[in-house]
Amino acid sequence: MGTNLGFVVKVMVISALVAIAIRFVGRTLVVQATPETVLFVVLFPSFALAMALGWRAWQQRSLS
């Protein structure tokens, strides 16, 4: 039970740090509102997750 609580606390702390960074650092970034920027922001998380899961599956297949 302690490991689950520790994991939840870590996720909450990291989420709070990301939210603070977005709030204060995000103001200093100048990003143009173009269709390419929107596509990148929307599609990049899915692409990154797919790459990470594919890499993990490839590693597990090569180990067995």
Protein backbone atom coordinates (compact mmCIF):
# COMPACT_ATOMS: atom_id res chain seq x y z
CA MET A 1 0.00 0.00 0.00
CA GLY A 2 2.87 2.35 0.77
CA THR A 3 4.31 2.05 -2.74
CA ASN A 4 0.96 2.99 -4.29
CA LEU A 5 0.71 6.05 -2.06
CA GLY A 6 4.26 7.03 -2.92
CA PHE A 7 3.53 6.74 -6.63
CA VAL A 8 0.40 8.89 -6.31
CA VAL A 9 2.31 11.55 -4.37
CA LYS A 10 5.08 11.59 -7.01
CA VAL A 11 2.54 12.01 -9.81
CA MET A 12 0.80 14.83 -7.95
CA VAL A 13 4.08 16.67 -7.28
CA ILE A 14 5.24 16.32 -10.89
CA SER A 15 1.83 17.50 -12.12
CA ALA A 16 1.98 20.53 -9.85
CA LEU A 17 5.49 21.41 -11.08
CA VAL A 18 4.41 21.11 -14.71
CA ALA A 19 1.37 23.31 -14.04
CA ILE A 20 3.55 25.95 -12.37
CA ALA A 21 6.02 25.82 -15.26
CA ILE A 22 3.22 26.23 -17.79
CA ARG A 23 1.76 29.15 -15.89
CA PHE A 24 4.94 31.16 -15.38
CA VAL A 25 7.34 30.02 -18.10
CA GLY A 26 4.64 29.69 -20.74
CA ARG A 27 4.10 33.45 -20.70
CA THR A 28 7.64 34.06 -21.91
CA LEU A 29 7.35 31.73 -24.91
CA VAL A 30 6.26 33.29 -28.16
CA VAL A 31 4.51 30.69 -30.32
CA GLN A 32 2.83 31.62 -33.56
CA ALA A 33 -0.65 30.24 -34.08
CA THR A 34 -0.16 28.30 -37.30
CA PRO A 35 -1.76 25.05 -38.44
CA GLU A 36 1.63 23.32 -38.23
CA THR A 37 2.07 24.34 -34.60
CA VAL A 38 -1.40 23.09 -33.71
CA LEU A 39 -0.81 19.76 -35.43
CA PHE A 40 2.49 19.33 -33.62
CA VAL A 41 1.01 20.13 -30.20
CA VAL A 42 -1.96 17.81 -30.76
CA LEU A 43 -0.17 14.87 -32.40
CA PHE A 44 3.22 14.83 -30.67
CA PRO A 45 2.08 13.27 -27.34
CA SER A 46 0.36 10.40 -29.16
CA PHE A 47 3.35 9.87 -31.43
CA ALA A 48 5.79 9.94 -28.51
CA LEU A 49 3.72 7.42 -26.55
CA ALA A 50 3.45 5.14 -29.57
CA MET A 51 7.22 5.29 -30.06
CA ALA A 52 7.89 4.54 -26.38
CA LEU A 53 5.49 1.58 -26.34
CA GLY A 54 6.88 0.26 -29.62
CA TRP A 55 10.42 0.50 -28.27
CA ARG A 56 9.40 -1.34 -25.12
CA ALA A 57 7.65 -4.09 -27.11
CA TRP A 58 10.71 -4.44 -29.36
CA GLN A 59 12.99 -4.79 -26.32
CA GLN A 60 10.76 -7.42 -24.72
CA ARG A 61 10.58 -9.41 -27.94
CA SER A 62 14.37 -9.38 -28.34
CA LEU A 63 14.87 -10.59 -24.75
CA SER A 64 12.68 -13.66 -25.12
